[in-house]
């Protein structure tokens, strides 16, 4: 249960990433949000209870090279 006021959004809500960080592990590249979501530094996430995944939204550095952009 979320102890914050106002309550953090549920894991299935569209604004789910607005929940507060309750445990951060920047050296490992992930954080646990109050609603049970694990967020990774690459912006991907795992939803709790097998609800699914959120794929990363950033472009990998290898895809943003000048040669790849010119193709």
C-alpha atoms as a PDB file:
ATOM      1  CA  UNK A   1       0.000   0.000   0.000  1.00  0.00           C
ATOM      2  CA  UNK A   2       1.198   3.458  -0.874  1.00  0.00           C
ATOM      3  CA  UNK A   3       1.707   5.633   2.225  1.00  0.00           C
ATOM      4  CA  UNK A   4       2.065   8.850   0.211  1.00  0.00           C
ATOM      5  CA  UNK A   5      -0.525  11.613  -0.105  1.00  0.00           C
ATOM      6  CA  UNK A   6      -1.699  11.902  -2.775  1.00  0.00           C
ATOM      7  CA  UNK A   7      -1.354   8.184  -3.475  1.00  0.00           C
ATOM      8  CA  UNK A   8       1.057   7.013  -6.151  1.00  0.00           C
ATOM      9  CA  UNK A   9      -0.546   5.824  -9.395  1.00  0.00           C
ATOM     10  CA  UNK A  10      -1.256   2.102  -9.699  1.00  0.00           C
ATOM     11  CA  UNK A  11       1.033  -0.057 -11.852  1.00  0.00           C
ATOM     12  CA  UNK A  12      -1.647  -0.323 -14.564  1.00  0.00           C
ATOM     13  CA  UNK A  13      -2.373   3.433 -14.709  1.00  0.00           C
ATOM     14  CA  UNK A  14      -1.198   5.483 -17.687  1.00  0.00           C
ATOM     15  CA  UNK A  15       0.871   7.722 -15.366  1.00  0.00           C
ATOM     16  CA  UNK A  16       2.415   4.739 -13.500  1.00  0.00           C
ATOM     17  CA  UNK A  17       5.981   6.061 -13.843  1.00  0.00           C
ATOM     18  CA  UNK A  18       5.065   9.060 -11.648  1.00  0.00           C
ATOM     19  CA  UNK A  19       5.171   6.852  -8.544  1.00  0.00           C
ATOM     20  CA  UNK A  20       7.895   7.622  -6.006  1.00  0.00           C
ATOM     21  CA  UNK A  21      11.169   5.727  -5.862  1.00  0.00           C
ATOM     22  CA  UNK A  22      11.333   3.599  -2.701  1.00  0.00           C
ATOM     23  CA  UNK A  23      14.667   1.903  -3.436  1.00  0.00           C
ATOM     24  CA  UNK A  24      17.276   3.122  -5.879  1.00  0.00           C
ATOM     25  CA  UNK A  25      20.300   1.184  -7.123  1.00  0.00           C
ATOM     26  CA  UNK A  26      21.964   3.532  -9.631  1.00  0.00           C
ATOM     27  CA  UNK A  27      25.164   1.471  -9.591  1.00  0.00           C
ATOM     28  CA  UNK A  28      23.095  -1.463 -10.904  1.00  0.00           C
ATOM     29  CA  UNK A  29      20.928   0.659 -13.193  1.00  0.00           C
ATOM     30  CA  UNK A  30      17.481   0.183 -11.658  1.00  0.00           C
ATOM     31  CA  UNK A  31      14.995   1.564  -9.115  1.00  0.00           C
ATOM     32  CA  UNK A  32      11.888   0.202  -7.396  1.00  0.00           C
ATOM     33  CA  UNK A  33       8.817   2.432  -7.460  1.00  0.00           C
ATOM     34  CA  UNK A  34       6.155   2.566  -4.750  1.00  0.00           C
ATOM     35  CA  UNK A  35       3.666   0.790  -7.023  1.00  0.00           C
ATOM     36  CA  UNK A  36       5.974  -2.226  -7.471  1.00  0.00           C
ATOM     37  CA  UNK A  37       7.383  -1.317 -10.885  1.00  0.00           C
ATOM     38  CA  UNK A  38      11.102  -1.846 -11.475  1.00  0.00           C
ATOM     39  CA  UNK A  39      12.447   0.938 -13.708  1.00  0.00           C
ATOM     40  CA  UNK A  40      15.736   0.573 -15.554  1.00  0.00           C
ATOM     41  CA  UNK A  41      18.128   3.365 -16.551  1.00  0.00           C
ATOM     42  CA  UNK A  42      17.400   2.683 -20.231  1.00  0.00           C
ATOM     43  CA  UNK A  43      13.737   3.678 -19.499  1.00  0.00           C
ATOM     44  CA  UNK A  44      12.473   0.101 -19.740  1.00  0.00           C
ATOM     45  CA  UNK A  45      10.458  -1.333 -16.857  1.00  0.00           C
ATOM     46  CA  UNK A  46       9.025  -4.526 -15.398  1.00  0.00           C
ATOM     47  CA  UNK A  47       5.484  -4.358 -14.077  1.00  0.00           C
ATOM     48  CA  UNK A  48       4.626  -6.278 -10.888  1.00  0.00           C
ATOM     49  CA  UNK A  49       2.835  -9.636 -10.761  1.00  0.00           C
ATOM     50  CA  UNK A  50       3.648 -10.528 -14.360  1.00  0.00           C
ATOM     51  CA  UNK A  51       1.537  -7.702 -15.775  1.00  0.00           C
ATOM     52  CA  UNK A  52       4.120  -7.149 -18.505  1.00  0.00           C
ATOM     53  CA  UNK A  53       7.060  -5.043 -19.546  1.00  0.00           C
ATOM     54  CA  UNK A  54       7.584  -1.497 -20.769  1.00  0.00           C
ATOM     55  CA  UNK A  55      10.210  -1.493 -23.532  1.00  0.00           C
ATOM     56  CA  UNK A  56      12.969   1.142 -23.469  1.00  0.00           C
ATOM     57  CA  UNK A  57      12.124   4.361 -25.292  1.00  0.00           C
ATOM     58  CA  UNK A  58      15.640   5.637 -25.944  1.00  0.00           C
ATOM     59  CA  UNK A  59      17.493   5.025 -29.177  1.00  0.00           C
ATOM     60  CA  UNK A  60      20.601   2.868 -28.624  1.00  0.00           C
ATOM     61  CA  UNK A  61      23.842   4.767 -29.234  1.00  0.00           C
ATOM     62  CA  UNK A  62      24.822   2.391 -32.049  1.00  0.00           C
ATOM     63  CA  UNK A  63      21.648   3.278 -33.952  1.00  0.00           C
ATOM     64  CA  UNK A  64      22.385   6.993 -33.728  1.00  0.00           C
ATOM     65  CA  UNK A  65      25.799   6.895 -35.443  1.00  0.00           C
ATOM     66  CA  UNK A  66      26.252   9.168 -38.476  1.00  0.00           C
ATOM     67  CA  UNK A  67      26.520   6.142 -40.808  1.00  0.00           C
ATOM     68  CA  UNK A  68      23.263   4.670 -39.508  1.00  0.00           C
ATOM     69  CA  UNK A  69      21.485   8.011 -39.793  1.00  0.00           C
ATOM     70  CA  UNK A  70      22.647   8.483 -43.398  1.00  0.00           C
ATOM     71  CA  UNK A  71      21.337   5.064 -44.477  1.00  0.00           C
END
